[in-house]
Amino acid sequence: MPDLGIYIHLPFCLSRCGYCDFAVVTDQDSAQNEYVSCINNEIEFWSREIEKPLTSIYFGGGTPSRLNSESWKGML
């Protein structure tokens, strides 16, 4: 059975780059906590459905470094 990895999309950006095709939002950092709460709900759901351990987690999309430290703690 192949290794299991996940991708978590973090859409928060300061501005939109002209070359970017990702789904991103600008000036909406206030939505971070609600977004991460939804991500955490997904993580909890899938952790019960899939019994195989993760071998990798990739964070991408917008600018993941814009996420506040409390949100990172909650996801990790």
N, C-alpha and C. Protein backbone atom coordinates (compact mmCIF):
# COMPACT_ATOMS: atom_id res chain seq x y z
N MET A 1 0.85 -1.18 0.00
CA MET A 1 0.00 0.00 0.00
C MET A 1 0.90 1.25 0.00
N PRO A 2 0.62 2.24 -0.85
CA PRO A 2 1.49 3.42 -0.93
C PRO A 2 1.39 4.29 0.33
N ASP A 3 2.41 5.13 0.51
CA ASP A 3 2.41 6.07 1.62
C ASP A 3 1.24 7.04 1.49
N LEU A 4 0.82 7.59 2.62
CA LEU A 4 -0.31 8.51 2.63
C LEU A 4 0.18 9.90 3.02
N GLY A 5 -0.09 10.87 2.16
CA GLY A 5 0.24 12.27 2.44
C GLY A 5 -1.00 13.12 2.22
N ILE A 6 -1.01 14.28 2.84
CA ILE A 6 -2.14 15.20 2.65
C ILE A 6 -1.62 16.58 2.27
N TYR A 7 -2.49 17.33 1.62
CA TYR A 7 -2.24 18.72 1.26
C TYR A 7 -3.28 19.56 1.98
N ILE A 8 -2.85 20.58 2.69
CA ILE A 8 -3.76 21.50 3.36
C ILE A 8 -3.59 22.87 2.72
N HIS A 9 -4.68 23.34 2.12
CA HIS A 9 -4.66 24.61 1.41
C HIS A 9 -4.91 25.76 2.38
N LEU A 10 -3.99 26.72 2.40
CA LEU A 10 -4.12 27.91 3.25
C LEU A 10 -4.18 29.13 2.34
N PRO A 11 -5.38 29.70 2.16
CA PRO A 11 -5.60 30.69 1.10
C PRO A 11 -5.27 32.14 1.45
N PHE A 12 -4.65 32.39 2.57
CA PHE A 12 -4.48 33.77 3.02
C PHE A 12 -3.24 34.43 2.42
N CYS A 13 -3.44 35.58 1.78
CA CYS A 13 -2.34 36.33 1.16
C CYS A 13 -2.51 37.81 1.47
N LEU A 14 -1.39 38.52 1.45
CA LEU A 14 -1.42 39.97 1.61
C LEU A 14 -1.95 40.62 0.33
N SER A 15 -1.50 40.10 -0.81
CA SER A 15 -1.99 40.58 -2.11
C SER A 15 -1.95 39.41 -3.09
N ARG A 16 -2.64 39.57 -4.18
CA ARG A 16 -2.69 38.49 -5.19
C ARG A 16 -1.62 38.73 -6.24
N CYS A 17 -0.80 37.72 -6.47
CA CYS A 17 0.24 37.79 -7.50
C CYS A 17 -0.40 37.54 -8.87
N GLY A 18 0.06 38.20 -9.89
CA GLY A 18 -0.51 38.08 -11.22
C GLY A 18 -0.41 36.69 -11.82
N TYR A 19 0.57 35.91 -11.41
CA TYR A 19 0.79 34.57 -11.96
C TYR A 19 0.10 33.47 -11.18
N CYS A 20 -0.53 33.80 -10.06
CA CYS A 20 -1.08 32.80 -9.15
C CYS A 20 -2.41 32.25 -9.64
N ASP A 21 -2.52 30.91 -9.66
CA ASP A 21 -3.78 30.25 -10.02
C ASP A 21 -4.46 29.59 -8.83
N PHE A 22 -3.88 29.76 -7.64
CA PHE A 22 -4.48 29.18 -6.45
C PHE A 22 -5.70 29.97 -6.01
N ALA A 23 -6.59 29.31 -5.29
CA ALA A 23 -7.71 30.00 -4.66
C ALA A 23 -7.15 30.72 -3.44
N VAL A 24 -7.14 32.04 -3.47
CA VAL A 24 -6.60 32.84 -2.37
C VAL A 24 -7.57 33.96 -2.02
N VAL A 25 -7.43 34.46 -0.80
CA VAL A 25 -8.18 35.63 -0.37
C VAL A 25 -7.18 36.64 0.18
N THR A 26 -7.47 37.91 -0.02
CA THR A 26 -6.62 38.97 0.51
C THR A 26 -7.42 39.78 1.52
N ASP A 27 -6.72 40.35 2.47
CA ASP A 27 -7.35 41.19 3.49
C ASP A 27 -8.46 40.47 4.26
N GLN A 28 -8.32 39.18 4.45
CA GLN A 28 -9.32 38.42 5.20
C GLN A 28 -8.67 37.56 6.28
N ASP A 29 -7.58 38.06 6.84
CA ASP A 29 -6.91 37.31 7.90
C ASP A 29 -7.82 37.08 9.10
N SER A 30 -8.85 37.90 9.25
CA SER A 30 -9.79 37.73 10.36
C SER A 30 -10.56 36.41 10.25
N ALA A 31 -10.56 35.80 9.09
CA ALA A 31 -11.26 34.52 8.88
C ALA A 31 -10.38 33.31 9.19
N GLN A 32 -9.14 33.54 9.58
CA GLN A 32 -8.21 32.43 9.81
C GLN A 32 -8.72 31.44 10.85
N ASN A 33 -9.19 31.93 11.98
CA ASN A 33 -9.62 31.02 13.05
C ASN A 33 -10.78 30.13 12.60
N GLU A 34 -11.74 30.71 11.92
CA GLU A 34 -12.87 29.92 11.44
C GLU A 34 -12.42 28.90 10.39
N TYR A 35 -11.54 29.32 9.49
CA TYR A 35 -11.03 28.42 8.45
C TYR A 35 -10.28 27.24 9.07
N VAL A 36 -9.41 27.54 10.03
CA VAL A 36 -8.62 26.49 10.67
C VAL A 36 -9.53 25.58 11.49
N SER A 37 -10.58 26.10 12.07
CA SER A 37 -11.54 25.26 12.79
C SER A 37 -12.17 24.25 11.83
N CYS A 38 -12.49 24.68 10.62
CA CYS A 38 -13.04 23.77 9.62
C CYS A 38 -12.00 22.72 9.20
N ILE A 39 -10.76 23.14 9.03
CA ILE A 39 -9.68 22.20 8.71
C ILE A 39 -9.55 21.17 9.82
N ASN A 40 -9.58 21.63 11.07
CA ASN A 40 -9.46 20.70 12.20
C ASN A 40 -10.61 19.71 12.24
N ASN A 41 -11.82 20.16 11.89
CA ASN A 41 -12.96 19.23 11.80
C ASN A 41 -12.71 18.17 10.75
N GLU A 42 -12.16 18.57 9.61
CA GLU A 42 -11.83 17.60 8.54
C GLU A 42 -10.76 16.61 9.01
N ILE A 43 -9.74 17.13 9.69
CA ILE A 43 -8.67 16.26 10.20
C ILE A 43 -9.25 15.23 11.16
N GLU A 44 -10.11 15.69 12.06
CA GLU A 44 -10.73 14.77 13.02
C GLU A 44 -11.58 13.72 12.32
N PHE A 45 -12.39 14.14 11.35
CA PHE A 45 -13.23 13.20 10.62
C PHE A 45 -12.40 12.14 9.92
N TRP A 46 -11.41 12.58 9.12
CA TRP A 46 -10.63 11.63 8.33
C TRP A 46 -9.72 10.76 9.17
N SER A 47 -9.34 11.24 10.34
CA SER A 47 -8.50 10.41 11.21
C SER A 47 -9.27 9.19 11.71
N ARG A 48 -10.59 9.30 11.77
CA ARG A 48 -11.42 8.15 12.16
C ARG A 48 -11.70 7.23 10.97
N GLU A 49 -11.69 7.77 9.77
CA GLU A 49 -12.02 7.00 8.57
C GLU A 49 -10.82 6.27 7.99
N ILE A 50 -9.64 6.84 8.12
CA ILE A 50 -8.43 6.27 7.53
C ILE A 50 -7.49 5.87 8.66
N GLU A 51 -7.19 4.61 8.73
CA GLU A 51 -6.39 4.10 9.83
C GLU A 51 -4.89 4.09 9.54
N LYS A 52 -4.53 4.45 8.33
CA LYS A 52 -3.12 4.45 7.95
C LYS A 52 -2.46 5.76 8.40
N PRO A 53 -1.24 5.69 8.95
CA PRO A 53 -0.59 6.92 9.39
C PRO A 53 -0.12 7.78 8.21
N LEU A 54 -0.08 9.07 8.43
CA LEU A 54 0.44 9.99 7.42
C LEU A 54 1.95 9.92 7.36
N THR A 55 2.49 10.04 6.16
CA THR A 55 3.95 10.10 6.02
C THR A 55 4.40 11.50 5.62
N SER A 56 3.45 12.33 5.15
CA SER A 56 3.82 13.71 4.82
C SER A 56 2.59 14.62 4.88
N ILE A 57 2.86 15.87 5.21
CA ILE A 57 1.84 16.92 5.21
C ILE A 57 2.42 18.09 4.45
N TYR A 58 1.69 18.58 3.46
CA TYR A 58 2.14 19.73 2.68
C TYR A 58 1.16 20.87 2.90
N PHE A 59 1.66 22.02 3.29
CA PHE A 59 0.85 23.22 3.44
C PHE A 59 1.17 24.14 2.28
N GLY A 60 0.16 24.62 1.60
CA GLY A 60 0.41 25.49 0.47
C GLY A 60 -0.81 26.30 0.12
N GLY A 61 -0.75 26.90 -1.04
CA GLY A 61 -1.86 27.69 -1.54
C GLY A 61 -1.51 29.15 -1.59
N GLY A 62 -1.92 29.87 -0.60
CA GLY A 62 -1.64 31.29 -0.52
C GLY A 62 -0.25 31.52 0.06
N THR A 63 -0.21 32.15 1.21
CA THR A 63 1.04 32.42 1.90
C THR A 63 0.91 31.80 3.29
N PRO A 64 1.27 30.54 3.46
CA PRO A 64 1.06 29.86 4.75
C PRO A 64 1.67 30.60 5.94
N SER A 65 2.73 31.37 5.72
CA SER A 65 3.35 32.08 6.82
C SER A 65 2.46 33.20 7.38
N ARG A 66 1.39 33.55 6.69
CA ARG A 66 0.45 34.56 7.21
C ARG A 66 -0.44 33.99 8.30
N LEU A 67 -0.49 32.68 8.42
CA LEU A 67 -1.33 32.06 9.43
C LEU A 67 -0.77 32.37 10.82
N ASN A 68 -1.64 32.71 11.74
CA ASN A 68 -1.18 33.05 13.09
C ASN A 68 -0.71 31.80 13.84
N SER A 69 0.10 32.00 14.86
CA SER A 69 0.72 30.88 15.57
C SER A 69 -0.30 29.99 16.27
N GLU A 70 -1.38 30.56 16.77
CA GLU A 70 -2.41 29.73 17.42
C GLU A 70 -3.07 28.78 16.43
N SER A 71 -3.25 29.23 15.21
CA SER A 71 -3.84 28.38 14.18
C SER A 71 -2.91 27.22 13.85
N TRP A 72 -1.61 27.50 13.76
CA TRP A 72 -0.64 26.43 13.50
C TRP A 72 -0.67 25.40 14.61
N LYS A 73 -0.69 25.87 15.85
CA LYS A 73 -0.72 24.96 17.00
C LYS A 73 -1.94 24.05 16.93
N GLY A 74 -3.08 24.64 16.58
CA GLY A 74 -4.33 23.86 16.51
C GLY A 74 -4.28 22.77 15.46
N MET A 75 -3.73 23.08 14.30
CA MET A 75 -3.67 22.08 13.23
C MET A 75 -2.65 20.98 13.51
N LEU A 76 -1.49 21.38 13.99
CA LEU A 76 -0.42 20.40 14.21
C LEU A 76 -0.69 19.54 15.42
